[in-house]
Amino acid sequence: MKSKTNIVEEPLADYKKAEEDLLLKALSSSYTERFHTMARLMKMNVILKSAKIIHKKMD
C-alpha cells in the first residue's frame, strides 16, 4: 500500500513584481498627491519624535 503524505506548499512570493507594481503606482500619482502624502508623513514624524513611551509592569 502506498501512503500518501499531505504536504502544504506555500506559494512563492514574487517580490520583484510587487516592487515594480508599487513603483508604477507611485509614479502614476500626481504631484499634489505626493505633496499631501509627504506632508502627512512629516506630521507623523513630528508626533512620533515627541512621543514618550512608558512601560508598565504587567501583573
N, C-alpha and C. Protein backbone atom coordinates (compact mmCIF):
# COMPACT_ATOMS: atom_id res chain seq x y z
N MET A 1 0.83 -1.18 0.00
CA MET A 1 0.00 0.00 0.00
C MET A 1 0.88 1.25 0.00
N LYS A 2 0.44 2.22 -0.76
CA LYS A 2 1.17 3.48 -0.80
C LYS A 2 0.59 4.42 0.25
N SER A 3 1.45 5.02 0.98
CA SER A 3 0.97 6.00 1.95
C SER A 3 1.11 7.40 1.33
N LYS A 4 0.05 8.15 1.39
CA LYS A 4 0.07 9.49 0.84
C LYS A 4 0.41 10.48 1.95
N THR A 5 1.34 11.34 1.67
CA THR A 5 1.66 12.38 2.65
C THR A 5 1.08 13.69 2.17
N ASN A 6 0.47 14.36 3.07
CA ASN A 6 -0.11 15.67 2.75
C ASN A 6 0.90 16.75 3.10
N ILE A 7 1.42 17.38 2.11
CA ILE A 7 2.40 18.44 2.32
C ILE A 7 1.78 19.74 1.84
N VAL A 8 1.78 20.70 2.73
CA VAL A 8 1.27 22.02 2.37
C VAL A 8 2.42 22.83 1.80
N GLU A 9 2.23 23.30 0.60
CA GLU A 9 3.26 24.10 -0.05
C GLU A 9 2.80 25.54 -0.12
N GLU A 10 3.65 26.41 0.39
CA GLU A 10 3.36 27.84 0.33
C GLU A 10 3.68 28.35 -1.07
N PRO A 11 2.85 29.22 -1.61
CA PRO A 11 3.18 29.78 -2.92
C PRO A 11 4.39 30.69 -2.81
N LEU A 12 5.21 30.70 -3.82
CA LEU A 12 6.40 31.54 -3.81
C LEU A 12 6.00 32.99 -4.04
N ALA A 13 6.56 33.86 -3.25
CA ALA A 13 6.26 35.29 -3.38
C ALA A 13 7.10 35.88 -4.51
N ASP A 14 6.47 36.70 -5.31
CA ASP A 14 7.18 37.37 -6.40
C ASP A 14 7.47 38.80 -5.96
N TYR A 15 8.56 38.96 -5.24
CA TYR A 15 8.89 40.26 -4.66
C TYR A 15 9.24 41.29 -5.72
N LYS A 16 9.89 40.86 -6.77
CA LYS A 16 10.29 41.80 -7.82
C LYS A 16 9.07 42.42 -8.48
N LYS A 17 8.07 41.60 -8.79
CA LYS A 17 6.85 42.11 -9.42
C LYS A 17 6.11 43.04 -8.46
N ALA A 18 6.06 42.68 -7.18
CA ALA A 18 5.38 43.51 -6.18
C ALA A 18 6.07 44.88 -6.08
N GLU A 19 7.40 44.87 -6.10
CA GLU A 19 8.14 46.13 -6.03
C GLU A 19 7.89 46.99 -7.26
N GLU A 20 7.87 46.35 -8.43
CA GLU A 20 7.60 47.08 -9.67
C GLU A 20 6.19 47.67 -9.67
N ASP A 21 5.22 46.91 -9.16
CA ASP A 21 3.85 47.40 -9.08
C ASP A 21 3.75 48.63 -8.17
N LEU A 22 4.46 48.58 -7.02
CA LEU A 22 4.45 49.72 -6.11
C LEU A 22 5.09 50.95 -6.76
N LEU A 23 6.18 50.74 -7.49
CA LEU A 23 6.83 51.86 -8.16
C LEU A 23 5.93 52.47 -9.23
N LEU A 24 5.26 51.62 -10.01
CA LEU A 24 4.36 52.13 -11.04
C LEU A 24 3.19 52.90 -10.43
N LYS A 25 2.68 52.41 -9.32
CA LYS A 25 1.58 53.10 -8.64
C LYS A 25 2.05 54.45 -8.12
N ALA A 26 3.27 54.50 -7.55
CA ALA A 26 3.81 55.75 -7.03
C ALA A 26 4.05 56.75 -8.16
N LEU A 27 4.52 56.27 -9.29
CA LEU A 27 4.79 57.17 -10.41
C LEU A 27 3.50 57.71 -11.04
N SER A 28 2.42 56.98 -10.89
CA SER A 28 1.16 57.43 -11.50
C SER A 28 0.44 58.47 -10.66
N SER A 29 0.91 58.71 -9.43
CA SER A 29 0.25 59.71 -8.59
C SER A 29 0.68 61.11 -9.02
N SER A 30 -0.18 62.06 -8.79
CA SER A 30 0.11 63.44 -9.20
C SER A 30 1.03 64.10 -8.18
N TYR A 31 1.56 65.25 -8.55
CA TYR A 31 2.44 65.98 -7.64
C TYR A 31 1.69 66.40 -6.39
N THR A 32 0.41 66.75 -6.53
CA THR A 32 -0.39 67.16 -5.38
C THR A 32 -0.56 66.00 -4.40
N GLU A 33 -0.84 64.81 -4.93
CA GLU A 33 -0.98 63.63 -4.06
C GLU A 33 0.34 63.32 -3.36
N ARG A 34 1.44 63.46 -4.07
CA ARG A 34 2.76 63.22 -3.46
C ARG A 34 3.02 64.22 -2.35
N PHE A 35 2.65 65.49 -2.60
CA PHE A 35 2.85 66.54 -1.59
C PHE A 35 2.04 66.24 -0.33
N HIS A 36 0.78 65.88 -0.51
CA HIS A 36 -0.07 65.58 0.65
C HIS A 36 0.44 64.36 1.42
N THR A 37 0.91 63.36 0.72
CA THR A 37 1.47 62.17 1.37
C THR A 37 2.71 62.55 2.17
N MET A 38 3.59 63.35 1.57
CA MET A 38 4.81 63.77 2.27
C MET A 38 4.49 64.62 3.48
N ALA A 39 3.51 65.51 3.36
CA ALA A 39 3.11 66.35 4.49
C ALA A 39 2.57 65.49 5.63
N ARG A 40 1.77 64.48 5.29
CA ARG A 40 1.23 63.57 6.31
C ARG A 40 2.35 62.83 7.03
N LEU A 41 3.34 62.34 6.26
CA LEU A 41 4.47 61.63 6.85
C LEU A 41 5.30 62.54 7.75
N MET A 42 5.48 63.79 7.34
CA MET A 42 6.25 64.72 8.16
C MET A 42 5.53 65.05 9.46
N LYS A 43 4.21 65.21 9.41
CA LYS A 43 3.43 65.46 10.63
C LYS A 43 3.52 64.26 11.58
N MET A 44 3.43 63.06 11.01
CA MET A 44 3.51 61.85 11.83
C MET A 44 4.89 61.73 12.46
N ASN A 45 5.93 62.12 11.72
CA ASN A 45 7.29 62.07 12.24
C ASN A 45 7.44 63.01 13.43
N VAL A 46 6.88 64.21 13.36
CA VAL A 46 6.95 65.16 14.47
C VAL A 46 6.22 64.60 15.69
N ILE A 47 5.06 64.01 15.47
CA ILE A 47 4.28 63.44 16.58
C ILE A 47 5.04 62.30 17.23
N LEU A 48 5.59 61.40 16.43
CA LEU A 48 6.30 60.24 16.98
C LEU A 48 7.62 60.63 17.65
N LYS A 49 8.26 61.67 17.14
CA LYS A 49 9.51 62.12 17.75
C LYS A 49 9.29 62.63 19.16
N SER A 50 8.16 63.31 19.37
CA SER A 50 7.89 63.89 20.69
C SER A 50 7.15 62.92 21.61
N ALA A 51 6.87 61.73 21.15
CA ALA A 51 6.13 60.77 21.97
C ALA A 51 7.03 60.23 23.08
N LYS A 52 6.43 60.04 24.23
CA LYS A 52 7.15 59.48 25.36
C LYS A 52 6.54 58.12 25.67
N ILE A 53 7.34 57.09 25.58
CA ILE A 53 6.84 55.73 25.78
C ILE A 53 7.19 55.30 27.19
N ILE A 54 6.15 54.88 27.92
CA ILE A 54 6.33 54.43 29.30
C ILE A 54 5.90 52.98 29.39
N HIS A 55 6.76 52.16 29.93
CA HIS A 55 6.44 50.74 30.09
C HIS A 55 5.94 50.49 31.51
N LYS A 56 4.83 49.85 31.61
CA LYS A 56 4.29 49.47 32.92
C LYS A 56 4.50 47.99 33.11
N LYS A 57 4.81 47.62 34.32
CA LYS A 57 4.99 46.22 34.65
C LYS A 57 3.62 45.54 34.69
N MET A 58 3.47 44.44 33.97
CA MET A 58 2.19 43.74 33.97
C MET A 58 2.12 42.80 35.15
N ASP A 59 1.00 42.77 35.84
CA ASP A 59 0.83 41.89 36.99
C ASP A 59 0.39 40.52 36.57
